[in-house]
Amino acid sequence: MITEIVRFTIAPGIDRDEVIRRFETTMPAWQANEKLVRKYYLFDEETRQGGGVYLWPDKAAAQAAHNEEWCDRAEKLYGSRPTFEYFDTPCIVDNSG
Protein backbone atom coordinates (compact mmCIF):
# COMPACT_ATOMS: atom_id res chain seq x y z
CA MET A 1 0.00 0.00 0.00
CA ILE A 2 0.99 3.61 -0.60
CA THR A 3 -0.03 6.67 1.40
CA GLU A 4 -0.13 9.86 -0.65
CA ILE A 5 -0.28 13.28 0.98
CA VAL A 6 -1.56 16.08 -1.23
CA ARG A 7 -1.28 19.72 -0.10
CA PHE A 8 -2.29 23.08 -1.51
CA THR A 9 -2.78 26.62 -0.26
CA ILE A 10 -6.39 27.79 -0.09
CA ALA A 11 -6.91 31.14 -1.78
CA PRO A 12 -7.81 34.15 0.41
CA GLY A 13 -11.54 34.74 0.64
CA ILE A 14 -12.47 31.05 0.73
CA ASP A 15 -13.75 30.39 4.25
CA ARG A 16 -14.05 27.04 6.04
CA ASP A 17 -17.67 26.47 5.03
CA GLU A 18 -16.79 27.09 1.39
CA VAL A 19 -13.77 24.79 1.57
CA ILE A 20 -16.00 22.03 2.93
CA ARG A 21 -18.61 22.68 0.23
CA ARG A 22 -15.91 22.40 -2.43
CA PHE A 23 -14.55 19.23 -0.84
CA GLU A 24 -18.03 17.74 -0.90
CA THR A 25 -18.40 18.41 -4.64
CA THR A 26 -15.39 16.13 -5.23
CA MET A 27 -16.59 13.23 -3.09
CA PRO A 28 -18.64 11.37 -5.74
CA ALA A 29 -15.65 11.12 -8.09
CA TRP A 30 -13.46 9.70 -5.30
CA GLN A 31 -16.19 7.28 -4.25
CA ALA A 32 -16.30 6.04 -7.85
CA ASN A 33 -12.53 5.47 -8.04
CA GLU A 34 -12.19 1.73 -7.59
CA LYS A 35 -8.45 1.96 -6.88
CA LEU A 36 -8.84 4.34 -3.93
CA VAL A 37 -8.83 2.54 -0.59
CA ARG A 38 -9.46 5.55 1.65
CA LYS A 39 -9.29 9.34 1.61
CA TYR A 40 -9.18 11.98 4.35
CA TYR A 41 -9.78 15.62 3.51
CA LEU A 42 -7.54 18.12 5.33
CA PHE A 43 -7.94 21.82 6.13
CA ASP A 44 -6.02 24.15 8.45
CA GLU A 45 -7.76 27.51 8.65
CA GLU A 46 -4.78 29.26 10.30
CA THR A 47 -2.22 28.32 7.64
CA ARG A 48 -4.74 28.22 4.75
CA GLN A 49 -3.51 24.71 3.88
CA GLY A 50 -5.81 22.10 2.45
CA GLY A 51 -5.35 18.71 0.93
CA GLY A 52 -5.89 15.05 1.44
CA VAL A 53 -4.38 11.84 2.69
CA TYR A 54 -5.04 8.93 0.37
CA LEU A 55 -4.43 5.22 0.71
CA TRP A 56 -3.76 3.45 -2.60
CA PRO A 57 -2.75 -0.07 -3.60
CA ASP A 58 0.32 1.36 -5.37
CA LYS A 59 1.98 4.59 -6.49
CA ALA A 60 0.84 4.17 -10.09
CA ALA A 61 -2.81 4.36 -9.00
CA ALA A 62 -2.10 7.53 -7.01
CA GLN A 63 -0.32 9.19 -9.90
CA ALA A 64 -3.00 8.19 -12.39
CA ALA A 65 -5.69 9.80 -10.22
CA HIS A 66 -3.67 12.98 -9.73
CA ASN A 67 -2.65 13.68 -13.30
CA GLU A 68 -2.15 17.14 -14.87
CA GLU A 69 -5.87 17.51 -15.60
CA TRP A 70 -6.68 16.88 -11.93
CA CYS A 71 -3.98 19.37 -10.85
CA ASP A 72 -5.50 22.01 -13.14
CA ARG A 73 -8.96 21.46 -11.60
CA ALA A 74 -7.57 21.59 -8.05
CA GLU A 75 -5.76 24.83 -8.80
CA LYS A 76 -8.99 26.39 -10.11
CA LEU A 77 -11.01 25.08 -7.18
CA TYR A 78 -8.66 26.02 -4.34
CA GLY A 79 -6.29 28.65 -5.71
CA SER A 80 -2.91 26.90 -5.90
CA ARG A 81 -1.18 23.97 -7.51
CA PRO A 82 -0.95 20.87 -5.29
CA THR A 83 2.20 19.14 -4.09
CA PHE A 84 2.55 15.40 -3.54
CA GLU A 85 4.37 13.11 -1.12
CA TYR A 86 4.36 9.30 -1.24
CA PHE A 87 5.10 6.83 1.54
CA ASP A 88 5.25 3.07 1.61
CA THR A 89 2.60 1.94 4.09
CA PRO A 90 3.65 -1.48 5.39
CA CYS A 91 1.32 -1.50 8.44
CA ILE A 92 -2.08 -0.02 9.27
CA VAL A 93 -3.95 0.12 12.56
CA ASP A 94 -7.70 0.60 12.19
CA ASN A 95 -9.58 0.90 15.47
CA SER A 96 -12.88 1.95 13.85
CA GLY A 97 -14.60 -1.31 14.60
C-alpha atoms as a PDB file:
ATOM      1  CA  MET A   1       0.000   0.000   0.000  1.00  0.00           C
ATOM      2  CA  ILE A   2       0.989   3.614  -0.599  1.00  0.00           C
ATOM      3  CA  THR A   3      -0.032   6.673   1.397  1.00  0.00           C
ATOM      4  CA  GLU A   4      -0.131   9.855  -0.648  1.00  0.00           C
ATOM      5  CA  ILE A   5      -0.277  13.278   0.980  1.00  0.00           C
ATOM      6  CA  VAL A   6      -1.556  16.083  -1.233  1.00  0.00           C
ATOM      7  CA  ARG A   7      -1.278  19.719  -0.100  1.00  0.00           C
ATOM      8  CA  PHE A   8      -2.288  23.076  -1.511  1.00  0.00           C
ATOM      9  CA  THR A   9      -2.779  26.620  -0.257  1.00  0.00           C
ATOM     10  CA  ILE A  10      -6.385  27.788  -0.088  1.00  0.00           C
ATOM     11  CA  ALA A  11      -6.909  31.145  -1.776  1.00  0.00           C
ATOM     12  CA  PRO A  12      -7.806  34.154   0.408  1.00  0.00           C
ATOM     13  CA  GLY A  13     -11.538  34.742   0.635  1.00  0.00           C
ATOM     14  CA  ILE A  14     -12.468  31.048   0.733  1.00  0.00           C
ATOM     15  CA  ASP A  15     -13.751  30.386   4.250  1.00  0.00           C
ATOM     16  CA  ARG A  16     -14.048  27.037   6.044  1.00  0.00           C
ATOM     17  CA  ASP A  17     -17.670  26.471   5.026  1.00  0.00           C
ATOM     18  CA  GLU A  18     -16.794  27.093   1.386  1.00  0.00           C
ATOM     19  CA  VAL A  19     -13.771  24.792   1.574  1.00  0.00           C
ATOM     20  CA  ILE A  20     -16.000  22.028   2.927  1.00  0.00           C
ATOM     21  CA  ARG A  21     -18.606  22.679   0.234  1.00  0.00           C
ATOM     22  CA  ARG A  22     -15.906  22.404  -2.425  1.00  0.00           C
ATOM     23  CA  PHE A  23     -14.545  19.227  -0.842  1.00  0.00           C
ATOM     24  CA  GLU A  24     -18.034  17.737  -0.904  1.00  0.00           C
ATOM     25  CA  THR A  25     -18.397  18.406  -4.639  1.00  0.00           C
ATOM     26  CA  THR A  26     -15.389  16.131  -5.231  1.00  0.00           C
ATOM     27  CA  MET A  27     -16.593  13.231  -3.089  1.00  0.00           C
ATOM     28  CA  PRO A  28     -18.635  11.370  -5.740  1.00  0.00           C
ATOM     29  CA  ALA A  29     -15.653  11.118  -8.087  1.00  0.00           C
ATOM     30  CA  TRP A  30     -13.462   9.704  -5.305  1.00  0.00           C
ATOM     31  CA  GLN A  31     -16.194   7.276  -4.251  1.00  0.00           C
ATOM     32  CA  ALA A  32     -16.303   6.036  -7.848  1.00  0.00           C
ATOM     33  CA  ASN A  33     -12.531   5.473  -8.044  1.00  0.00           C
ATOM     34  CA  GLU A  34     -12.190   1.725  -7.590  1.00  0.00           C
ATOM     35  CA  LYS A  35      -8.452   1.959  -6.876  1.00  0.00           C
ATOM     36  CA  LEU A  36      -8.836   4.342  -3.933  1.00  0.00           C
ATOM     37  CA  VAL A  37      -8.829   2.535  -0.587  1.00  0.00           C
ATOM     38  CA  ARG A  38      -9.460   5.552   1.654  1.00  0.00           C
ATOM     39  CA  LYS A  39      -9.293   9.340   1.606  1.00  0.00           C
ATOM     40  CA  TYR A  40      -9.182  11.975   4.346  1.00  0.00           C
ATOM     41  CA  TYR A  41      -9.781  15.625   3.510  1.00  0.00           C
ATOM     42  CA  LEU A  42      -7.541  18.118   5.329  1.00  0.00           C
ATOM     43  CA  PHE A  43      -7.939  21.816   6.131  1.00  0.00           C
ATOM     44  CA  ASP A  44      -6.024  24.147   8.451  1.00  0.00           C
ATOM     45  CA  GLU A  45      -7.758  27.508   8.654  1.00  0.00           C
ATOM     46  CA  GLU A  46      -4.785  29.263  10.297  1.00  0.00           C
ATOM     47  CA  THR A  47      -2.223  28.321   7.643  1.00  0.00           C
ATOM     48  CA  ARG A  48      -4.744  28.219   4.750  1.00  0.00           C
ATOM     49  CA  GLN A  49      -3.507  24.711   3.884  1.00  0.00           C
ATOM     50  CA  GLY A  50      -5.807  22.101   2.450  1.00  0.00           C
ATOM     51  CA  GLY A  51      -5.346  18.712   0.931  1.00  0.00           C
ATOM     52  CA  GLY A  52      -5.889  15.052   1.436  1.00  0.00           C
ATOM     53  CA  VAL A  53      -4.378  11.842   2.690  1.00  0.00           C
ATOM     54  CA  TYR A  54      -5.035   8.927   0.370  1.00  0.00           C
ATOM     55  CA  LEU A  55      -4.427   5.215   0.709  1.00  0.00           C
ATOM     56  CA  TRP A  56      -3.762   3.455  -2.596  1.00  0.00           C
ATOM     57  CA  PRO A  57      -2.750  -0.066  -3.601  1.00  0.00           C
ATOM     58  CA  ASP A  58       0.316   1.358  -5.373  1.00  0.00           C
ATOM     59  CA  LYS A  59       1.982   4.592  -6.487  1.00  0.00           C
ATOM     60  CA  ALA A  60       0.842   4.168 -10.089  1.00  0.00           C
ATOM     61  CA  ALA A  61      -2.811   4.364  -8.996  1.00  0.00           C
ATOM     62  CA  ALA A  62      -2.097   7.532  -7.013  1.00  0.00           C
ATOM     63  CA  GLN A  63      -0.316   9.195  -9.900  1.00  0.00           C
ATOM     64  CA  ALA A  64      -3.000   8.188 -12.392  1.00  0.00           C
ATOM     65  CA  ALA A  65      -5.689   9.801 -10.222  1.00  0.00           C
ATOM     66  CA  HIS A  66      -3.674  12.983  -9.734  1.00  0.00           C
ATOM     67  CA  ASN A  67      -2.646  13.684 -13.300  1.00  0.00           C
ATOM     68  CA  GLU A  68      -2.154  17.145 -14.867  1.00  0.00           C
ATOM     69  CA  GLU A  69      -5.871  17.513 -15.603  1.00  0.00           C
ATOM     70  CA  TRP A  70      -6.683  16.884 -11.927  1.00  0.00           C
ATOM     71  CA  CYS A  71      -3.979  19.372 -10.851  1.00  0.00           C
ATOM     72  CA  ASP A  72      -5.499  22.005 -13.136  1.00  0.00           C
ATOM     73  CA  ARG A  73      -8.962  21.456 -11.597  1.00  0.00           C
ATOM     74  CA  ALA A  74      -7.572  21.588  -8.051  1.00  0.00           C
ATOM     75  CA  GLU A  75      -5.761  24.832  -8.797  1.00  0.00           C
ATOM     76  CA  LYS A  76      -8.987  26.395 -10.111  1.00  0.00           C
ATOM     77  CA  LEU A  77     -11.010  25.082  -7.182  1.00  0.00           C
ATOM     78  CA  TYR A  78      -8.664  26.022  -4.337  1.00  0.00           C
ATOM     79  CA  GLY A  79      -6.293  28.649  -5.714  1.00  0.00           C
ATOM     80  CA  SER A  80      -2.910  26.905  -5.899  1.00  0.00           C
ATOM     81  CA  ARG A  81      -1.176  23.968  -7.512  1.00  0.00           C
ATOM     82  CA  PRO A  82      -0.952  20.873  -5.288  1.00  0.00           C
ATOM     83  CA  THR A  83       2.199  19.144  -4.091  1.00  0.00           C
ATOM     84  CA  PHE A  84       2.552  15.403  -3.535  1.00  0.00           C
ATOM     85  CA  GLU A  85       4.369  13.111  -1.124  1.00  0.00           C
ATOM     86  CA  TYR A  86       4.365   9.298  -1.239  1.00  0.00           C
ATOM     87  CA  PHE A  87       5.098   6.830   1.542  1.00  0.00           C
ATOM     88  CA  ASP A  88       5.251   3.072   1.607  1.00  0.00           C
ATOM     89  CA  THR A  89       2.601   1.937   4.090  1.00  0.00           C
ATOM     90  CA  PRO A  90       3.646  -1.482   5.394  1.00  0.00           C
ATOM     91  CA  CYS A  91       1.324  -1.498   8.441  1.00  0.00           C
ATOM     92  CA  ILE A  92      -2.081  -0.024   9.267  1.00  0.00           C
ATOM     93  CA  VAL A  93      -3.953   0.120  12.561  1.00  0.00           C
ATOM     94  CA  ASP A  94      -7.702   0.599  12.193  1.00  0.00           C
ATOM     95  CA  ASN A  95      -9.584   0.900  15.467  1.00  0.00           C
ATOM     96  CA  SER A  96     -12.876   1.950  13.855  1.00  0.00           C
ATOM     97  CA  GLY A  97     -14.602  -1.307  14.600  1.00  0.00           C
END
